[in-house]
Protein backbone atom coordinates (compact mmCIF):
# COMPACT_ATOMS: atom_id res chain seq x y z
CA MET A 1 12.96 12.22 60.07
CA ARG A 2 14.46 14.04 57.11
CA GLU A 3 11.82 16.27 55.58
CA GLN A 4 11.07 15.48 51.94
CA ASN A 5 9.79 17.84 49.25
CA GLN A 6 7.21 15.37 47.97
CA TRP A 7 6.24 11.72 48.01
CA ARG A 8 7.43 9.32 45.30
CA SER A 9 5.14 8.93 42.29
CA ASP A 10 4.24 5.34 43.28
CA GLN A 11 3.20 6.52 46.75
CA LYS A 12 1.00 9.24 45.25
CA ALA A 13 -0.56 6.73 42.84
CA LYS A 14 -1.31 4.31 45.70
CA THR A 15 -2.89 7.13 47.70
CA ARG A 16 -5.13 8.06 44.75
CA GLU A 17 -6.11 4.42 44.23
CA ILE A 18 -6.97 3.73 47.87
CA LEU A 19 -8.93 6.95 48.40
CA GLN A 20 -10.79 6.84 45.06
CA GLN A 21 -11.82 3.22 45.51
CA ILE A 22 -12.40 3.69 49.25
CA ASP A 23 -10.39 0.54 49.91
CA PHE A 24 -12.24 -1.03 52.83
CA ILE A 25 -9.12 -2.67 54.27
CA ALA A 26 -7.24 0.64 54.38
CA PHE A 27 -10.13 2.19 56.32
CA THR A 28 -10.70 -0.68 58.75
CA PHE A 29 -7.27 -2.13 59.55
CA ASP A 30 -4.55 -0.53 61.63
CA ILE A 31 -1.39 -2.23 62.80
CA SER A 32 -1.76 -0.58 66.22
CA GLY A 33 -5.08 -2.36 66.71
CA HIS A 34 -6.92 0.93 67.29
CA ASN A 35 -8.54 1.82 64.00
CA LYS A 36 -9.73 5.35 63.40
CA GLY A 37 -9.89 5.37 59.61
CA CYS A 38 -7.44 5.42 56.73
CA THR A 39 -4.08 6.36 58.25
CA LEU A 40 -2.03 9.02 56.50
CA ASP A 41 1.58 10.20 56.71
CA HIS A 42 2.65 13.80 56.18
CA LEU A 43 5.96 14.88 54.71
CA ASN A 44 6.82 16.57 58.03
CA GLY A 45 6.40 13.32 59.98
CA ASP A 46 2.87 13.92 61.29
CA TYR A 47 0.17 11.23 61.24
CA GLY A 48 -3.48 11.71 60.49
CA TYR A 49 -6.50 9.81 59.27
CA ILE A 50 -9.63 10.11 57.17
CA LYS A 51 -12.84 8.61 58.51
CA LEU A 52 -14.64 6.09 56.29
CA LYS A 53 -17.88 8.08 56.47
CA ASP A 54 -16.08 11.22 55.29
CA ALA A 55 -14.47 9.43 52.34
CA ILE A 56 -17.80 7.99 51.24
CA ASN A 57 -19.25 11.52 51.29
CA ASP A 58 -16.21 13.05 49.54
CA ASP A 59 -15.51 15.07 52.68
CA TRP A 60 -11.72 15.06 52.73
CA ASN A 61 -11.19 15.90 56.41
CA ILE A 62 -7.89 14.88 57.96
CA TYR A 63 -7.82 14.38 61.71
CA ASP A 64 -4.78 14.27 63.97
CA TYR A 65 -4.04 10.66 64.89
CA GLU A 66 -3.14 11.49 68.50
CA THR A 67 -5.78 14.09 69.41
CA ASP A 68 -8.58 13.32 66.91
CA LYS A 69 -8.82 17.06 66.20
CA LEU A 70 -9.51 18.22 62.66
CA ILE A 71 -6.21 19.25 61.06
CA GLU A 72 -7.43 20.38 57.67
CA THR A 73 -10.16 19.91 55.09
CA PHE A 74 -9.28 19.38 51.44
CA ASN A 75 -11.42 19.72 48.32
CA SER A 76 -10.03 16.66 46.54
CA ILE A 77 -7.63 13.75 46.71
CA GLU A 78 -5.19 15.75 44.57
CA ASP A 79 -5.30 18.55 47.15
CA ILE A 80 -4.54 16.02 49.91
CA ILE A 81 -1.44 14.87 48.02
CA ALA A 82 -0.40 18.44 47.19
CA GLY A 83 -0.80 19.23 50.90
CA GLY A 84 1.93 16.70 51.72
CA TRP A 85 -0.19 13.69 52.74
CA LYS A 86 -0.16 10.09 51.54
CA VAL A 87 -1.83 6.87 52.66
CA SER A 88 0.36 4.97 55.14
CA THR A 89 1.76 1.82 53.64
């Protein structure tokens, strides 16, 4: 995957919308059939997720999709986006 500098503005806006509204579908549906939370993509090609409980509590913890280990904790949705993450679409 070619590394990008940042996500498109529409992708950032969708990420803000889904995380601010805690879009239930985004947190409960996964195409793989194994839901862990709201799936995220990173600019470097990594995949992570935010647990529904964390989003409700404004705890912006991102976990590795493969290992379930905590990757990083952010202070806000804007920090998540600035850190290279977006909601998978």
